[in-house]
C-alpha atoms as a PDB file:
ATOM      1  CA  MET A   1       6.810 -22.957  10.468  1.00  0.00           C
ATOM      2  CA  ILE A   2       4.991 -22.876  13.766  1.00  0.00           C
ATOM      3  CA  LYS A   3       6.319 -22.079  17.220  1.00  0.00           C
ATOM      4  CA  TYR A   4       4.900 -23.806  20.274  1.00  0.00           C
ATOM      5  CA  LYS A   5       5.425 -23.030  23.928  1.00  0.00           C
ATOM      6  CA  LEU A   6       6.077 -26.400  25.554  1.00  0.00           C
ATOM      7  CA  ILE A   7       6.196 -27.427  29.197  1.00  0.00           C
ATOM      8  CA  CYS A   8       7.858 -30.336  30.910  1.00  0.00           C
ATOM      9  CA  LYS A   9       5.310 -31.898  33.243  1.00  0.00           C
ATOM     10  CA  ASP A  10       8.069 -33.375  35.412  1.00  0.00           C
ATOM     11  CA  CYS A  11      10.183 -30.297  36.170  1.00  0.00           C
ATOM     12  CA  ASP A  12       7.717 -27.545  35.183  1.00  0.00           C
ATOM     13  CA  ILE A  13      10.143 -25.767  32.924  1.00  0.00           C
ATOM     14  CA  SER A  14       8.711 -24.125  29.836  1.00  0.00           C
ATOM     15  CA  PHE A  15      10.497 -23.603  26.553  1.00  0.00           C
ATOM     16  CA  ASP A  16       9.758 -22.717  22.936  1.00  0.00           C
ATOM     17  CA  SER A  17      10.284 -24.960  19.981  1.00  0.00           C
ATOM     18  CA  TRP A  18       9.762 -24.578  16.239  1.00  0.00           C
ATOM     19  CA  PHE A  19       8.067 -27.164  14.036  1.00  0.00           C
ATOM     20  CA  SER A  20       7.392 -27.302  10.321  1.00  0.00           C
ATOM     21  CA  SER A  21       3.681 -27.880  11.042  1.00  0.00           C
ATOM     22  CA  SER A  22       1.300 -28.950  13.795  1.00  0.00           C
ATOM     23  CA  LYS A  23       1.258 -32.436  12.227  1.00  0.00           C
ATOM     24  CA  GLU A  24       5.035 -32.579  12.526  1.00  0.00           C
ATOM     25  CA  TYR A  25       4.761 -31.746  16.232  1.00  0.00           C
ATOM     26  CA  GLU A  26       2.213 -34.531  16.770  1.00  0.00           C
ATOM     27  CA  LYS A  27       4.407 -36.991  14.877  1.00  0.00           C
ATOM     28  CA  LEU A  28       7.504 -36.140  16.944  1.00  0.00           C
ATOM     29  CA  ILE A  29       5.588 -36.422  20.242  1.00  0.00           C
ATOM     30  CA  LYS A  30       4.244 -39.873  19.277  1.00  0.00           C
ATOM     31  CA  GLN A  31       7.727 -41.036  18.310  1.00  0.00           C
ATOM     32  CA  LYS A  32       9.073 -39.647  21.628  1.00  0.00           C
ATOM     33  CA  PHE A  33      11.612 -37.383  19.943  1.00  0.00           C
ATOM     34  CA  ILE A  34      10.770 -34.326  22.039  1.00  0.00           C
ATOM     35  CA  ASN A  35      12.347 -34.249  25.463  1.00  0.00           C
ATOM     36  CA  CYS A  36      13.086 -31.736  28.200  1.00  0.00           C
ATOM     37  CA  HIS A  37      16.541 -30.229  27.915  1.00  0.00           C
ATOM     38  CA  ILE A  38      16.799 -29.974  31.729  1.00  0.00           C
ATOM     39  CA  CYS A  39      15.605 -33.336  33.092  1.00  0.00           C
ATOM     40  CA  ASN A  40      15.462 -35.335  29.839  1.00  0.00           C
ATOM     41  CA  SER A  41      11.819 -36.264  30.478  1.00  0.00           C
ATOM     42  CA  LEU A  42       9.542 -37.198  27.572  1.00  0.00           C
ATOM     43  CA  ASN A  43       6.490 -35.904  29.441  1.00  0.00           C
ATOM     44  CA  ILE A  44       6.195 -32.753  27.276  1.00  0.00           C
ATOM     45  CA  LYS A  45       2.945 -30.933  26.515  1.00  0.00           C
ATOM     46  CA  LYS A  46       1.909 -27.789  24.668  1.00  0.00           C
ATOM     47  CA  THR A  47       0.820 -24.882  26.832  1.00  0.00           C
ATOM     48  CA  LEU A  48      -1.735 -22.212  26.108  1.00  0.00           C
ATOM     49  CA  MET A  49      -0.377 -19.685  23.670  1.00  0.00           C
ATOM     50  CA  SER A  50      -1.448 -16.373  22.278  1.00  0.00           C
ATOM     51  CA  PRO A  51      -0.352 -15.030  18.950  1.00  0.00           C
ATOM     52  CA  SER A  52       2.633 -12.760  19.060  1.00  0.00           C
ATOM     53  CA  VAL A  53       1.881  -9.406  17.508  1.00  0.00           C
ATOM     54  CA  LEU A  54       4.925  -7.244  17.080  1.00  0.00           C
ATOM     55  CA  LYS A  55       5.046  -3.752  15.714  1.00  0.00           C
ATOM     56  CA  SER A  56       8.178  -3.453  13.739  1.00  0.00           C
ATOM     57  CA  LYS A  57       9.847  -0.351  12.400  1.00  0.00           C
ATOM     58  CA  ASN A  58       9.140  -1.626   8.897  1.00  0.00           C
ATOM     59  CA  ASN A  59       5.430  -1.960   9.624  1.00  0.00           C
ATOM     60  CA  THR A  60       5.340   1.582  11.028  1.00  0.00           C
ATOM     61  CA  THR A  61       7.182   2.888   7.972  1.00  0.00           C
ATOM     62  CA  ILE A  62       4.723   1.135   5.663  1.00  0.00           C
ATOM     63  CA  ASN A  63       1.776   2.568   7.631  1.00  0.00           C
ATOM     64  CA  ASN A  64       3.272   6.063   7.449  1.00  0.00           C
ATOM     65  CA  LYS A  65       3.821   5.720   3.694  1.00  0.00           C
ATOM     66  CA  ASP A  66       0.265   4.441   3.316  1.00  0.00           C
ATOM     67  CA  ARG A  67      -1.091   7.428   5.257  1.00  0.00           C
ATOM     68  CA  LYS A  68       0.959   9.860   3.151  1.00  0.00           C
ATOM     69  CA  TYR A  69      -0.192   8.164  -0.057  1.00  0.00           C
ATOM     70  CA  LYS A  70      -3.841   8.389   1.021  1.00  0.00           C
ATOM     71  CA  LYS A  71      -3.414  12.052   1.966  1.00  0.00           C
ATOM     72  CA  ILE A  72      -1.858  12.911  -1.407  1.00  0.00           C
ATOM     73  CA  LYS A  73      -4.505  10.904  -3.250  1.00  0.00           C
ATOM     74  CA  LYS A  74      -7.229  12.808  -1.370  1.00  0.00           C
ATOM     75  CA  ILE A  75      -5.668  16.150  -2.383  1.00  0.00           C
ATOM     76  CA  ILE A  76      -5.458  15.049  -6.029  1.00  0.00           C
ATOM     77  CA  PHE A  77      -9.129  14.012  -5.942  1.00  0.00           C
ATOM     78  CA  GLU A  78     -10.045  17.437  -4.528  1.00  0.00           C
ATOM     79  CA  TYR A  79      -8.160  19.139  -7.384  1.00  0.00           C
ATOM     80  CA  GLN A  80      -9.853  16.874  -9.899  1.00  0.00           C
ATOM     81  CA  LYS A  81     -13.273  17.666  -8.469  1.00  0.00           C
ATOM     82  CA  PHE A  82     -12.566  21.400  -8.660  1.00  0.00           C
ATOM     83  CA  ILE A  83     -11.332  21.115 -12.251  1.00  0.00           C
ATOM     84  CA  LYS A  84     -14.334  19.059 -13.353  1.00  0.00           C
ATOM     85  CA  GLU A  85     -16.732  21.584 -11.835  1.00  0.00           C
ATOM     86  CA  ASN A  86     -15.003  24.743 -13.126  1.00  0.00           C
ATOM     87  CA  PHE A  87     -13.243  23.824 -16.384  1.00  0.00           C
ATOM     88  CA  ASP A  88     -14.495  22.601 -19.768  1.00  0.00           C
ATOM     89  CA  TYR A  89     -13.288  19.150 -20.780  1.00  0.00           C
ATOM     90  CA  VAL A  90     -11.985  19.214 -24.363  1.00  0.00           C
ATOM     91  CA  GLY A  91     -10.590  15.673 -24.494  1.00  0.00           C
ATOM     92  CA  GLU A  92      -7.837  15.038 -27.041  1.00  0.00           C
ATOM     93  CA  ASN A  93      -8.440  18.483 -28.609  1.00  0.00           C
ATOM     94  CA  PHE A  94      -6.597  20.184 -25.762  1.00  0.00           C
ATOM     95  CA  ALA A  95      -3.670  21.509 -27.852  1.00  0.00           C
ATOM     96  CA  TYR A  96      -6.019  22.804 -30.588  1.00  0.00           C
ATOM     97  CA  GLU A  97      -8.351  24.492 -28.086  1.00  0.00           C
ATOM     98  CA  ALA A  98      -5.433  26.030 -26.171  1.00  0.00           C
ATOM     99  CA  ARG A  99      -4.071  27.507 -29.408  1.00  0.00           C
ATOM    100  CA  SER A 100      -7.515  28.793 -30.375  1.00  0.00           C
ATOM    101  CA  ILE A 101      -7.883  30.596 -27.070  1.00  0.00           C
ATOM    102  CA  HIS A 102      -4.329  31.966 -27.192  1.00  0.00           C
ATOM    103  CA  TYR A 103      -4.091  33.140 -30.821  1.00  0.00           C
ATOM    104  CA  LYS A 104      -7.615  34.393 -31.254  1.00  0.00           C
ATOM    105  CA  ASN A 105      -7.381  36.289 -27.980  1.00  0.00           C
ATOM    106  CA  LYS A 106     -10.586  34.484 -27.287  1.00  0.00           C
ATOM    107  CA  LYS A 107     -11.680  34.740 -23.709  1.00  0.00           C
ATOM    108  CA  ALA A 108     -12.937  31.295 -22.822  1.00  0.00           C
ATOM    109  CA  SER A 109     -16.020  31.199 -20.669  1.00  0.00           C
ATOM    110  CA  LYS A 110     -14.211  28.571 -18.636  1.00  0.00           C
ATOM    111  CA  ALA A 111     -10.663  27.336 -18.522  1.00  0.00           C
ATOM    112  CA  ILE A 112     -10.083  24.024 -20.289  1.00  0.00           C
ATOM    113  CA  TYR A 113      -8.614  20.670 -19.449  1.00  0.00           C
ATOM    114  CA  GLY A 114      -8.024  17.580 -21.490  1.00  0.00           C
ATOM    115  CA  LEU A 115      -5.470  15.215 -22.936  1.00  0.00           C
ATOM    116  CA  ALA A 116      -2.221  16.162 -24.622  1.00  0.00           C
ATOM    117  CA  THR A 117       0.964  14.381 -25.572  1.00  0.00           C
ATOM    118  CA  LYS A 118       4.311  15.395 -24.178  1.00  0.00           C
ATOM    119  CA  LYS A 119       5.211  16.687 -27.641  1.00  0.00           C
ATOM    120  CA  ASP A 120       2.026  18.833 -27.733  1.00  0.00           C
ATOM    121  CA  LEU A 121       2.882  20.324 -24.343  1.00  0.00           C
ATOM    122  CA  GLU A 122       6.445  21.114 -25.440  1.00  0.00           C
ATOM    123  CA  GLU A 123       5.164  22.829 -28.612  1.00  0.00           C
ATOM    124  CA  LEU A 124       2.616  24.847 -26.627  1.00  0.00           C
ATOM    125  CA  LYS A 125       5.362  25.951 -24.260  1.00  0.00           C
ATOM    126  CA  GLU A 126       7.598  27.001 -27.206  1.00  0.00           C
ATOM    127  CA  GLU A 127       4.687  29.070 -28.546  1.00  0.00           C
ATOM    128  CA  GLY A 128       4.344  30.833 -25.203  1.00  0.00           C
ATOM    129  CA  ILE A 129       1.113  29.120 -24.242  1.00  0.00           C
ATOM    130  CA  GLU A 130       1.140  28.355 -20.557  1.00  0.00           C
ATOM    131  CA  THR A 131      -0.166  24.967 -19.509  1.00  0.00           C
ATOM    132  CA  LYS A 132      -0.028  22.940 -16.341  1.00  0.00           C
ATOM    133  CA  MET A 133       0.039  19.216 -16.030  1.00  0.00           C
ATOM    134  CA  ILE A 134      -1.379  17.470 -12.989  1.00  0.00           C
ATOM    135  CA  PRO A 135      -1.613  13.774 -12.209  1.00  0.00           C
ATOM    136  CA  TRP A 136      -5.037  12.354 -12.969  1.00  0.00           C
ATOM    137  CA  VAL A 137      -5.959   9.452 -10.741  1.00  0.00           C
ATOM    138  CA  LYS A 138      -8.882   7.158 -11.411  1.00  0.00           C
ATOM    139  CA  ASP A 139     -10.845   6.260  -8.328  1.00  0.00           C
ATOM    140  CA  ASN A 140     -10.885   2.481  -8.536  1.00  0.00           C
ATOM    141  CA  THR A 141     -11.365   1.799  -4.849  1.00  0.00           C
ATOM    142  CA  ASN A 142     -14.427  -0.101  -3.754  1.00  0.00           C
END
């Protein structure tokens, strides 16, 4: 759909009208189906138009959500950077390494991070081994 601002060249009144396409407008003008609703003249032309840009509440809400998302994502990336620089990555051996540190009273040179299943985390918790889970976001932005 397209909206045109039209003007009657006989009485100088302007009005808006909707068309399915610009071709449809041209077709209706040629067939003399568009007339002025005041003087009934067929001398109708398009006027200069500018695009209508409206800021809606929805758009503002989306922008606010986008800003909040970006802020949270930035914080997560900062945590990830800190963890990568200060912790040892143990991959899928996280549960095993956590138990080794806990039961052998082994003081790790660095804290560890890695992958664990929900079941592994529940078992570690039952054994009194404290763990924390944080979201891990891949940076796939260009």
